Amino acid sequence: MRGGMGNMQNMMKQVQKMQKKMAEAQEQLGQEKIEGTAGGGMVTVVVTGHKEVVDVQIKPEAVDPDDVEMLQDLVLAAVNDALKKADELSNNTMGQFTKGLNMPF
């Protein structure tokens, strides 16, 4: 029976090690800057790996007082582009931890 406890402790150590690595990866994601663009670079949005918008750049030629809707659409598209890329990065980064585990997530 005692052998079973050793395995359990071993497993707990592995889990703790992995949690630490996951926390580090999660933190690194927060440092990442992902750029989304729209309108051929007229609007650029920068988000972190935690999906926090940190920068929005709009070129003057994208600003047309008679067509505010177009600018809104460009900003939306750029934000969605950035968030999609952030999602992919997050899935790739965090996915490495769930690959080897046959856990139902």
PDB file of N, CA and C in Angstrom:
ATOM      1  N   MET A   1       0.822  -1.205   0.000  1.00  0.00           N
ATOM      2  CA  MET A   1       0.000   0.000   0.000  1.00  0.00           C
ATOM      3  C   MET A   1       0.863   1.264   0.000  1.00  0.00           C
ATOM      4  N   ARG A   2       2.022   1.192   0.698  1.00  0.00           N
ATOM      5  CA  ARG A   2       2.832   2.410   0.836  1.00  0.00           C
ATOM      6  C   ARG A   2       3.338   2.910  -0.505  1.00  0.00           C
ATOM      7  N   GLY A   3       3.600   1.998  -1.419  1.00  0.00           N
ATOM      8  CA  GLY A   3       4.075   2.390  -2.747  1.00  0.00           C
ATOM      9  C   GLY A   3       3.078   3.321  -3.428  1.00  0.00           C
ATOM     10  N   GLY A   4       1.814   3.098  -3.194  1.00  0.00           N
ATOM     11  CA  GLY A   4       0.765   3.919  -3.797  1.00  0.00           C
ATOM     12  C   GLY A   4       0.856   5.370  -3.369  1.00  0.00           C
ATOM     13  N   MET A   5       1.183   5.585  -2.100  1.00  0.00           N
ATOM     14  CA  MET A   5       1.304   6.958  -1.601  1.00  0.00           C
ATOM     15  C   MET A   5       2.455   7.700  -2.282  1.00  0.00           C
ATOM     16  N   GLY A   6       3.565   7.006  -2.478  1.00  0.00           N
ATOM     17  CA  GLY A   6       4.715   7.611  -3.151  1.00  0.00           C
ATOM     18  C   GLY A   6       4.336   8.097  -4.531  1.00  0.00           C
ATOM     19  N   ASN A   7       3.584   7.263  -5.240  1.00  0.00           N
ATOM     20  CA  ASN A   7       3.132   7.645  -6.580  1.00  0.00           C
ATOM     21  C   ASN A   7       2.255   8.875  -6.530  1.00  0.00           C
ATOM     22  N   MET A   8       1.399   8.910  -5.532  1.00  0.00           N
ATOM     23  CA  MET A   8       0.487  10.026  -5.373  1.00  0.00           C
ATOM     24  C   MET A   8       1.278  11.324  -5.160  1.00  0.00           C
ATOM     25  N   GLN A   9       2.286  11.262  -4.272  1.00  0.00           N
ATOM     26  CA  GLN A   9       3.109  12.444  -4.011  1.00  0.00           C
ATOM     27  C   GLN A   9       3.854  12.866  -5.269  1.00  0.00           C
ATOM     28  N   ASN A  10       4.354  11.870  -5.981  1.00  0.00           N
ATOM     29  CA  ASN A  10       5.055  12.129  -7.233  1.00  0.00           C
ATOM     30  C   ASN A  10       4.151  12.866  -8.204  1.00  0.00           C
ATOM     31  N   MET A  11       2.931  12.371  -8.296  1.00  0.00           N
ATOM     32  CA  MET A  11       1.973  12.961  -9.222  1.00  0.00           C
ATOM     33  C   MET A  11       1.661  14.403  -8.813  1.00  0.00           C
ATOM     34  N   MET A  12       1.521  14.613  -7.504  1.00  0.00           N
ATOM     35  CA  MET A  12       1.239  15.957  -7.015  1.00  0.00           C
ATOM     36  C   MET A  12       2.386  16.909  -7.364  1.00  0.00           C
ATOM     37  N   LYS A  13       3.622  16.420  -7.239  1.00  0.00           N
ATOM     38  CA  LYS A  13       4.791  17.230  -7.579  1.00  0.00           C
ATOM     39  C   LYS A  13       4.736  17.615  -9.051  1.00  0.00           C
ATOM     40  N   GLN A  14       4.418  16.620  -9.896  1.00  0.00           N
ATOM     41  CA  GLN A  14       4.319  16.862 -11.336  1.00  0.00           C
ATOM     42  C   GLN A  14       3.263  17.922 -11.628  1.00  0.00           C
ATOM     43  N   VAL A  15       2.130  17.773 -10.965  1.00  0.00           N
ATOM     44  CA  VAL A  15       1.019  18.709 -11.164  1.00  0.00           C
ATOM     45  C   VAL A  15       1.437  20.117 -10.747  1.00  0.00           C
ATOM     46  N   GLN A  16       2.113  20.223  -9.598  1.00  0.00           N
ATOM     47  CA  GLN A  16       2.555  21.538  -9.126  1.00  0.00           C
ATOM     48  C   GLN A  16       3.556  22.154 -10.098  1.00  0.00           C
ATOM     49  N   LYS A  17       4.454  21.313 -10.614  1.00  0.00           N
ATOM     50  CA  LYS A  17       5.456  21.796 -11.566  1.00  0.00           C
ATOM     51  C   LYS A  17       4.744  22.336 -12.804  1.00  0.00           C
ATOM     52  N   MET A  18       3.736  21.581 -13.241  1.00  0.00           N
ATOM     53  CA  MET A  18       3.009  21.989 -14.434  1.00  0.00           C
ATOM     54  C   MET A  18       2.218  23.269 -14.186  1.00  0.00           C
ATOM     55  N   GLN A  19       1.621  23.379 -13.005  1.00  0.00           N
ATOM     56  CA  GLN A  19       0.863  24.592 -12.687  1.00  0.00           C
ATOM     57  C   GLN A  19       1.779  25.810 -12.711  1.00  0.00           C
ATOM     58  N   LYS A  20       3.008  25.625 -12.230  1.00  0.00           N
ATOM     59  CA  LYS A  20       3.970  26.720 -12.213  1.00  0.00           C
ATOM     60  C   LYS A  20       4.302  27.116 -13.653  1.00  0.00           C
ATOM     61  N   LYS A  21       4.539  26.102 -14.494  1.00  0.00           N
ATOM     62  CA  LYS A  21       4.861  26.368 -15.896  1.00  0.00           C
ATOM     63  C   LYS A  21       3.690  27.058 -16.592  1.00  0.00           C
ATOM     64  N   MET A  22       2.474  26.607 -16.269  1.00  0.00           N
ATOM     65  CA  MET A  22       1.287  27.215 -16.880  1.00  0.00           C
ATOM     66  C   MET A  22       1.154  28.670 -16.454  1.00  0.00           C
ATOM     67  N   ALA A  23       1.424  28.937 -15.173  1.00  0.00           N
ATOM     68  CA  ALA A  23       1.330  30.309 -14.666  1.00  0.00           C
ATOM     69  C   ALA A  23       2.363  31.185 -15.373  1.00  0.00           C
ATOM     70  N   GLU A  24       3.563  30.633 -15.576  1.00  0.00           N
ATOM     71  CA  GLU A  24       4.607  31.391 -16.269  1.00  0.00           C
ATOM     72  C   GLU A  24       4.198  31.668 -17.714  1.00  0.00           C
ATOM     73  N   ALA A  25       3.646  30.653 -18.365  1.00  0.00           N
ATOM     74  CA  ALA A  25       3.212  30.821 -19.753  1.00  0.00           C
ATOM     75  C   ALA A  25       2.104  31.857 -19.836  1.00  0.00           C
ATOM     76  N   GLN A  26       1.201  31.803 -18.854  1.00  0.00           N
ATOM     77  CA  GLN A  26       0.081  32.740 -18.801  1.00  0.00           C
ATOM     78  C   GLN A  26       0.607  34.162 -18.641  1.00  0.00           C
ATOM     79  N   GLU A  27       1.624  34.304 -17.795  1.00  0.00           N
ATOM     80  CA  GLU A  27       2.212  35.620 -17.561  1.00  0.00           C
ATOM     81  C   GLU A  27       2.900  36.120 -18.828  1.00  0.00           C
ATOM     82  N   GLN A  28       3.572  35.199 -19.500  1.00  0.00           N
ATOM     83  CA  GLN A  28       4.268  35.579 -20.730  1.00  0.00           C
ATOM     84  C   GLN A  28       3.262  36.034 -21.795  1.00  0.00           C
ATOM     85  N   LEU A  29       2.123  35.377 -21.823  1.00  0.00           N
ATOM     86  CA  LEU A  29       1.070  35.778 -22.760  1.00  0.00           C
ATOM     87  C   LEU A  29       0.698  37.236 -22.532  1.00  0.00           C
ATOM     88  N   GLY A  30       0.670  37.631 -21.277  1.00  0.00           N
ATOM     89  CA  GLY A  30       0.321  39.007 -20.938  1.00  0.00           C
ATOM     90  C   GLY A  30       1.332  40.005 -21.467  1.00  0.00           C
ATOM     91  N   GLN A  31       2.576  39.546 -21.655  1.00  0.00           N
ATOM     92  CA  GLN A  31       3.635  40.421 -22.174  1.00  0.00           C
ATOM     93  C   GLN A  31       3.587  40.523 -23.697  1.00  0.00           C
ATOM     94  N   GLU A  32       2.972  39.516 -24.322  1.00  0.00           N
ATOM     95  CA  GLU A  32       2.932  39.485 -25.791  1.00  0.00           C
ATOM     96  C   GLU A  32       2.113  40.647 -26.337  1.00  0.00           C
ATOM     97  N   LYS A  33       2.570  41.179 -27.465  1.00  0.00           N
ATOM     98  CA  LYS A  33       1.808  42.230 -28.149  1.00  0.00           C
ATOM     99  C   LYS A  33       1.399  41.679 -29.517  1.00  0.00           C
ATOM    100  N   ILE A  34       0.113  41.634 -29.749  1.00  0.00           N
ATOM    101  CA  ILE A  34      -0.413  41.095 -31.004  1.00  0.00           C
ATOM    102  C   ILE A  34      -1.119  42.206 -31.753  1.00  0.00           C
ATOM    103  N   GLU A  35      -0.789  42.301 -33.025  1.00  0.00           N
ATOM    104  CA  GLU A  35      -1.318  43.390 -33.838  1.00  0.00           C
ATOM    105  C   GLU A  35      -2.422  42.888 -34.765  1.00  0.00           C
ATOM    106  N   GLY A  36      -3.495  43.639 -34.788  1.00  0.00           N
ATOM    107  CA  GLY A  36      -4.567  43.371 -35.737  1.00  0.00           C
ATOM    108  C   GLY A  36      -4.714  44.595 -36.619  1.00  0.00           C
ATOM    109  N   THR A  37      -4.968  44.384 -37.920  1.00  0.00           N
ATOM    110  CA  THR A  37      -5.112  45.535 -38.810  1.00  0.00           C
ATOM    111  C   THR A  37      -6.368  45.391 -39.657  1.00  0.00           C
ATOM    112  N   ALA A  38      -6.771  46.517 -40.217  1.00  0.00           N
ATOM    113  CA  ALA A  38      -7.912  46.527 -41.134  1.00  0.00           C
ATOM    114  C   ALA A  38      -7.700  47.644 -42.142  1.00  0.00           C
ATOM    115  N   GLY A  39      -8.365  47.530 -43.278  1.00  0.00           N
ATOM    116  CA  GLY A  39      -8.280  48.565 -44.300  1.00  0.00           C
ATOM    117  C   GLY A  39      -6.857  48.726 -44.813  1.00  0.00           C
ATOM    118  N   GLY A  40      -6.144  47.603 -44.933  1.00  0.00           N
ATOM    119  CA  GLY A  40      -4.778  47.653 -45.444  1.00  0.00           C
ATOM    120  C   GLY A  40      -3.862  48.481 -44.562  1.00  0.00           C
ATOM    121  N   GLY A  41      -4.057  48.379 -43.258  1.00  0.00           N
ATOM    122  CA  GLY A  41      -3.179  49.080 -42.331  1.00  0.00           C
ATOM    123  C   GLY A  41      -3.669  50.474 -41.951  1.00  0.00           C
ATOM    124  N   MET A  42      -4.870  50.831 -42.403  1.00  0.00           N
ATOM    125  CA  MET A  42      -5.436  52.150 -42.043  1.00  0.00           C
ATOM    126  C   MET A  42      -5.709  52.208 -40.548  1.00  0.00           C
ATOM    127  N   VAL A  43      -6.136  51.060 -39.994  1.00  0.00           N
ATOM    128  CA  VAL A  43      -6.386  50.978 -38.561  1.00  0.00           C
ATOM    129  C   VAL A  43      -5.583  49.801 -38.008  1.00  0.00           C
ATOM    130  N   THR A  44      -4.832  50.070 -36.951  1.00  0.00           N
ATOM    131  CA  THR A  44      -4.048  49.028 -36.295  1.00  0.00           C
ATOM    132  C   THR A  44      -4.415  48.998 -34.826  1.00  0.00           C
ATOM    133  N   VAL A  45      -4.672  47.796 -34.329  1.00  0.00           N
ATOM    134  CA  VAL A  45      -5.020  47.619 -32.925  1.00  0.00           C
ATOM    135  C   VAL A  45      -4.020  46.632 -32.330  1.00  0.00           C
ATOM    136  N   VAL A  46      -3.486  46.981 -31.169  1.00  0.00           N
ATOM    137  CA  VAL A  46      -2.547  46.090 -30.501  1.00  0.00           C
ATOM    138  C   VAL A  46      -3.183  45.577 -29.208  1.00  0.00           C
ATOM    139  N   VAL A  47      -3.166  44.254 -29.046  1.00  0.00           N
ATOM    140  CA  VAL A  47      -3.683  43.644 -27.823  1.00  0.00           C
ATOM    141  C   VAL A  47      -2.587  42.790 -27.198  1.00  0.00           C
ATOM    142  N   THR A  48      -2.761  42.492 -25.904  1.00  0.00           N
ATOM    143  CA  THR A  48      -1.836  41.580 -25.247  1.00  0.00           C
ATOM    144  C   THR A  48      -2.373  40.162 -25.411  1.00  0.00           C
ATOM    145  N   GLY A  49      -1.583  39.198 -24.976  1.00  0.00           N
ATOM    146  CA  GLY A  49      -2.036  37.811 -25.003  1.00  0.00           C
ATOM    147  C   GLY A  49      -3.200  37.576 -24.065  1.00  0.00           C
ATOM    148  N   HIS A  50      -3.438  38.516 -23.163  1.00  0.00           N
ATOM    149  CA  HIS A  50      -4.592  38.428 -22.267  1.00  0.00           C
ATOM    150  C   HIS A  50      -5.807  39.150 -22.849  1.00  0.00           C
ATOM    151  N   LYS A  51      -5.710  39.506 -24.116  1.00  0.00           N
ATOM    152  CA  LYS A  51      -6.803  40.153 -24.848  1.00  0.00           C
ATOM    153  C   LYS A  51      -7.156  41.522 -24.288  1.00  0.00           C
ATOM    154  N   GLU A  52      -6.144  42.248 -23.886  1.00  0.00           N
ATOM    155  CA  GLU A  52      -6.332  43.609 -23.398  1.00  0.00           C
ATOM    156  C   GLU A  52      -5.855  44.541 -24.504  1.00  0.00           C
ATOM    157  N   VAL A  53      -6.715  45.456 -24.937  1.00  0.00           N
ATOM    158  CA  VAL A  53      -6.324  46.393 -25.992  1.00  0.00           C
ATOM    159  C   VAL A  53      -5.380  47.430 -25.387  1.00  0.00           C
ATOM    160  N   VAL A  54      -4.174  47.527 -25.964  1.00  0.00           N
ATOM    161  CA  VAL A  54      -3.201  48.465 -25.406  1.00  0.00           C
ATOM    162  C   VAL A  54      -2.890  49.622 -26.345  1.00  0.00           C
ATOM    163  N   ASP A  55      -3.277  49.480 -27.614  1.00  0.00           N
ATOM    164  CA  ASP A  55      -2.980  50.565 -28.547  1.00  0.00           C
ATOM    165  C   ASP A  55      -3.939  50.536 -29.729  1.00  0.00           C
ATOM    166  N   VAL A  56      -4.344  51.705 -30.159  1.00  0.00           N
ATOM    167  CA  VAL A  56      -5.177  51.840 -31.358  1.00  0.00           C
ATOM    168  C   VAL A  56      -4.567  52.959 -32.191  1.00  0.00           C
ATOM    169  N   GLN A  57      -4.227  52.632 -33.438  1.00  0.00           N
ATOM    170  CA  GLN A  57      -3.690  53.657 -34.324  1.00  0.00           C
ATOM    171  C   GLN A  57      -4.589  53.780 -35.540  1.00  0.00           C
ATOM    172  N   ILE A  58      -4.925  55.027 -35.847  1.00  0.00           N
ATOM    173  CA  ILE A  58      -5.794  55.300 -36.994  1.00  0.00           C
ATOM    174  C   ILE A  58      -5.092  56.316 -37.886  1.00  0.00           C
ATOM    175  N   LYS A  59      -4.879  55.926 -39.135  1.00  0.00           N
ATOM    176  CA  LYS A  59      -4.232  56.849 -40.065  1.00  0.00           C
ATOM    177  C   LYS A  59      -5.219  57.961 -40.424  1.00  0.00           C
ATOM    178  N   PRO A  60      -4.712  59.187 -40.567  1.00  0.00           N
ATOM    179  CA  PRO A  60      -5.584  60.333 -40.854  1.00  0.00           C
ATOM    180  C   PRO A  60      -6.499  60.092 -42.059  1.00  0.00           C
ATOM    181  N   GLU A  61      -5.977  59.409 -43.087  1.00  0.00           N
ATOM    182  CA  GLU A  61      -6.815  59.211 -44.284  1.00  0.00           C
ATOM    183  C   GLU A  61      -7.986  58.264 -44.038  1.00  0.00           C
ATOM    184  N   ALA A  62      -7.990  57.573 -42.895  1.00  0.00           N
ATOM    185  CA  ALA A  62      -9.118  56.695 -42.564  1.00  0.00           C
ATOM    186  C   ALA A  62     -10.256  57.502 -41.943  1.00  0.00           C
ATOM    187  N   VAL A  63      -9.955  58.742 -41.573  1.00  0.00           N
ATOM    188  CA  VAL A  63     -10.954  59.573 -40.895  1.00  0.00           C
ATOM    189  C   VAL A  63     -11.693  60.438 -41.911  1.00  0.00           C
ATOM    190  N   ASP A  64     -12.917  60.028 -42.179  1.00  0.00           N
ATOM    191  CA  ASP A  64     -13.764  60.783 -43.108  1.00  0.00           C
ATOM    192  C   ASP A  64     -15.015  61.193 -42.347  1.00  0.00           C
ATOM    193  N   PRO A  65     -15.142  62.497 -42.061  1.00  0.00           N
ATOM    194  CA  PRO A  65     -16.300  62.957 -41.276  1.00  0.00           C
ATOM    195  C   PRO A  65     -17.638  62.566 -41.898  1.00  0.00           C
ATOM    196  N   ASP A  66     -17.648  62.374 -43.222  1.00  0.00           N
ATOM    197  CA  ASP A  66     -18.899  62.006 -43.881  1.00  0.00           C
ATOM    198  C   ASP A  66     -19.147  60.501 -43.824  1.00  0.00           C
ATOM    199  N   ASP A  67     -18.130  59.748 -43.411  1.00  0.00           N
ATOM    200  CA  ASP A  67     -18.305  58.297 -43.377  1.00  0.00           C
ATOM    201  C   ASP A  67     -17.727  57.716 -42.094  1.00  0.00           C
ATOM    202  N   VAL A  68     -18.339  58.093 -40.990  1.00  0.00           N
ATOM    203  CA  VAL A  68     -17.891  57.613 -39.683  1.00  0.00           C
ATOM    204  C   VAL A  68     -18.095  56.101 -39.572  1.00  0.00           C
ATOM    205  N   GLU A  69     -19.147  55.608 -40.242  1.00  0.00           N
ATOM    206  CA  GLU A  69     -19.449  54.175 -40.171  1.00  0.00           C
ATOM    207  C   GLU A  69     -18.297  53.330 -40.687  1.00  0.00           C
ATOM    208  N   MET A  70     -17.653  53.793 -41.761  1.00  0.00           N
ATOM    209  CA  MET A  70     -16.550  53.033 -42.329  1.00  0.00           C
ATOM    210  C   MET A  70     -15.417  52.913 -41.302  1.00  0.00           C
ATOM    211  N   LEU A  71     -15.133  54.017 -40.612  1.00  0.00           N
ATOM    212  CA  LEU A  71     -14.077  54.017 -39.601  1.00  0.00           C
ATOM    213  C   LEU A  71     -14.431  53.063 -38.459  1.00  0.00           C
ATOM    214  N   GLN A  72     -15.681  53.099 -38.045  1.00  0.00           N
ATOM    215  CA  GLN A  72     -16.132  52.193 -36.980  1.00  0.00           C
ATOM    216  C   GLN A  72     -15.952  50.740 -37.402  1.00  0.00           C
ATOM    217  N   ASP A  73     -16.308  50.451 -38.658  1.00  0.00           N
ATOM    218  CA  ASP A  73     -16.158  49.093 -39.175  1.00  0.00           C
ATOM    219  C   ASP A  73     -14.692  48.677 -39.200  1.00  0.00           C
ATOM    220  N   LEU A  74     -13.814  49.607 -39.599  1.00  0.00           N
ATOM    221  CA  LEU A  74     -12.381  49.310 -39.647  1.00  0.00           C
ATOM    222  C   LEU A  74     -11.838  49.020 -38.244  1.00  0.00           C
ATOM    223  N   VAL A  75     -12.252  49.836 -37.281  1.00  0.00           N
ATOM    224  CA  VAL A  75     -11.790  49.632 -35.903  1.00  0.00           C
ATOM    225  C   VAL A  75     -12.278  48.273 -35.393  1.00  0.00           C
ATOM    226  N   LEU A  76     -13.555  47.980 -35.645  1.00  0.00           N
ATOM    227  CA  LEU A  76     -14.114  46.684 -35.243  1.00  0.00           C
ATOM    228  C   LEU A  76     -13.332  45.536 -35.869  1.00  0.00           C
ATOM    229  N   ALA A  77     -13.082  45.651 -37.171  1.00  0.00           N
ATOM    230  CA  ALA A  77     -12.380  44.588 -37.890  1.00  0.00           C
ATOM    231  C   ALA A  77     -10.962  44.414 -37.349  1.00  0.00           C
ATOM    232  N   ALA A  78     -10.286  45.513 -37.063  1.00  0.00           N
ATOM    233  CA  ALA A  78      -8.921  45.441 -36.550  1.00  0.00           C
ATOM    234  C   ALA A  78      -8.897  44.813 -35.157  1.00  0.00           C
ATOM    235  N   VAL A  79      -9.860  45.192 -34.318  1.00  0.00           N
ATOM    236  CA  VAL A  79      -9.937  44.620 -32.970  1.00  0.00           C
ATOM    237  C   VAL A  79     -10.195  43.122 -33.059  1.00  0.00           C
ATOM    238  N   ASN A  80     -11.149  42.732 -33.900  1.00  0.00           N
ATOM    239  CA  ASN A  80     -11.464  41.310 -34.037  1.00  0.00           C
ATOM    240  C   ASN A  80     -10.289  40.524 -34.600  1.00  0.00           C
ATOM    241  N   ASP A  81      -9.556  41.134 -35.518  1.00  0.00           N
ATOM    242  CA  ASP A  81      -8.374  40.505 -36.091  1.00  0.00           C
ATOM    243  C   ASP A  81      -7.341  40.254 -34.991  1.00  0.00           C
ATOM    244  N   ALA A  82      -7.102  41.271 -34.178  1.00  0.00           N
ATOM    245  CA  ALA A  82      -6.125  41.157 -33.093  1.00  0.00           C
ATOM    246  C   ALA A  82      -6.552  40.109 -32.073  1.00  0.00           C
ATOM    247  N   LEU A  83      -7.844  40.106 -31.721  1.00  0.00           N
ATOM    248  CA  LEU A  83      -8.340  39.157 -30.726  1.00  0.00           C
ATOM    249  C   LEU A  83      -8.276  37.727 -31.244  1.00  0.00           C
ATOM    250  N   LYS A  84      -8.542  37.560 -32.538  1.00  0.00           N
ATOM    251  CA  LYS A  84      -8.469  36.220 -33.128  1.00  0.00           C
ATOM    252  C   LYS A  84      -7.034  35.697 -33.053  1.00  0.00           C
ATOM    253  N   LYS A  85      -6.076  36.572 -33.373  1.00  0.00           N
ATOM    254  CA  LYS A  85      -4.664  36.184 -33.312  1.00  0.00           C
ATOM    255  C   LYS A  85      -4.251  35.896 -31.866  1.00  0.00           C
ATOM    256  N   ALA A  86      -4.772  36.694 -30.923  1.00  0.00           N
ATOM    257  CA  ALA A  86      -4.462  36.487 -29.511  1.00  0.00           C
ATOM    258  C   ALA A  86      -5.004  35.142 -29.042  1.00  0.00           C
ATOM    259  N   ASP A  87      -6.201  34.793 -29.527  1.00  0.00           N
ATOM    260  CA  ASP A  87      -6.803  33.497 -29.208  1.00  0.00           C
ATOM    261  C   ASP A  87      -5.932  32.354 -29.700  1.00  0.00           C
ATOM    262  N   GLU A  88      -5.485  32.486 -30.961  1.00  0.00           N
ATOM    263  CA  GLU A  88      -4.651  31.435 -31.546  1.00  0.00           C
ATOM    264  C   GLU A  88      -3.366  31.278 -30.739  1.00  0.00           C
ATOM    265  N   LEU A  89      -2.748  32.405 -30.403  1.00  0.00           N
ATOM    266  CA  LEU A  89      -1.516  32.367 -29.632  1.00  0.00           C
ATOM    267  C   LEU A  89      -1.762  31.708 -28.271  1.00  0.00           C
ATOM    268  N   SER A  90      -2.850  32.095 -27.633  1.00  0.00           N
ATOM    269  CA  SER A  90      -3.201  31.545 -26.337  1.00  0.00           C
ATOM    270  C   SER A  90      -3.437  30.042 -26.425  1.00  0.00           C
ATOM    271  N   ASN A  91      -4.176  29.608 -27.451  1.00  0.00           N
ATOM    272  CA  ASN A  91      -4.452  28.186 -27.628  1.00  0.00           C
ATOM    273  C   ASN A  91      -3.172  27.403 -27.871  1.00  0.00           C
ATOM    274  N   ASN A  92      -2.274  27.969 -28.697  1.00  0.00           N
ATOM    275  CA  ASN A  92      -1.009  27.297 -28.966  1.00  0.00           C
ATOM    276  C   ASN A  92      -0.156  27.234 -27.708  1.00  0.00           C
ATOM    277  N   THR A  93      -0.110  28.334 -26.982  1.00  0.00           N
ATOM    278  CA  THR A  93       0.726  28.398 -25.785  1.00  0.00           C
ATOM    279  C   THR A  93       0.196  27.487 -24.692  1.00  0.00           C
ATOM    280  N   MET A  94      -1.091  27.602 -24.396  1.00  0.00           N
ATOM    281  CA  MET A  94      -1.649  26.819 -23.300  1.00  0.00           C
ATOM    282  C   MET A  94      -1.965  25.385 -23.742  1.00  0.00           C
ATOM    283  N   GLY A  95      -2.152  25.200 -25.035  1.00  0.00           N
ATOM    284  CA  GLY A  95      -2.486  23.877 -25.563  1.00  0.00           C
ATOM    285  C   GLY A  95      -1.413  22.849 -25.300  1.00  0.00           C
ATOM    286  N   GLN A  96      -0.157  23.294 -25.237  1.00  0.00           N
ATOM    287  CA  GLN A  96       0.934  22.362 -25.002  1.00  0.00           C
ATOM    288  C   GLN A  96       0.801  21.677 -23.636  1.00  0.00           C
ATOM    289  N   PHE A  97       0.110  22.332 -22.709  1.00  0.00           N
ATOM    290  CA  PHE A  97      -0.042  21.755 -21.368  1.00  0.00           C
ATOM    291  C   PHE A  97      -1.154  20.720 -21.322  1.00  0.00           C
ATOM    292  N   THR A  98      -2.145  20.884 -22.187  1.00  0.00           N
ATOM    293  CA  THR A  98      -3.292  19.977 -22.129  1.00  0.00           C
ATOM    294  C   THR A  98      -3.122  18.798 -23.083  1.00  0.00           C
ATOM    295  N   LYS A  99      -2.165  18.907 -24.027  1.00  0.00           N
ATOM    296  CA  LYS A  99      -1.958  17.844 -25.003  1.00  0.00           C
ATOM    297  C   LYS A  99      -1.666  16.497 -24.347  1.00  0.00           C
ATOM    298  N   GLY A 100      -0.645  16.457 -23.491  1.00  0.00           N
ATOM    299  CA  GLY A 100      -0.218  15.197 -22.890  1.00  0.00           C
ATOM    300  C   GLY A 100      -1.158  14.693 -21.824  1.00  0.00           C
ATOM    301  N   LEU A 101      -2.065  15.505 -21.378  1.00  0.00           N
ATOM    302  CA  LEU A 101      -2.992  15.098 -20.321  1.00  0.00           C
ATOM    303  C   LEU A 101      -4.287  14.620 -20.931  1.00  0.00           C
ATOM    304  N   ASN A 102      -4.702  13.450 -20.581  1.00  0.00           N
ATOM    305  CA  ASN A 102      -5.992  13.016 -21.087  1.00  0.00           C
ATOM    306  C   ASN A 102      -7.075  13.403 -20.106  1.00  0.00           C
ATOM    307  N   MET A 103      -7.192  14.709 -19.918  1.00  0.00           N
ATOM    308  CA  MET A 103      -8.198  15.207 -18.986  1.00  0.00           C
ATOM    309  C   MET A 103      -9.366  15.792 -19.765  1.00  0.00           C
ATOM    310  N   PRO A 104     -10.560  15.544 -19.298  1.00  0.00           N
ATOM    311  CA  PRO A 104     -11.723  16.150 -19.980  1.00  0.00           C
ATOM    312  C   PRO A 104     -11.831  17.615 -19.611  1.00  0.00           C
ATOM    313  N   PHE A 105     -11.397  18.491 -20.474  1.00  0.00           N
ATOM    314  CA  PHE A 105     -11.481  19.925 -20.185  1.00  0.00           C
ATOM    315  C   PHE A 105     -12.749  20.483 -20.743  1.00  0.00           C
TER     316      PHE A 105
END
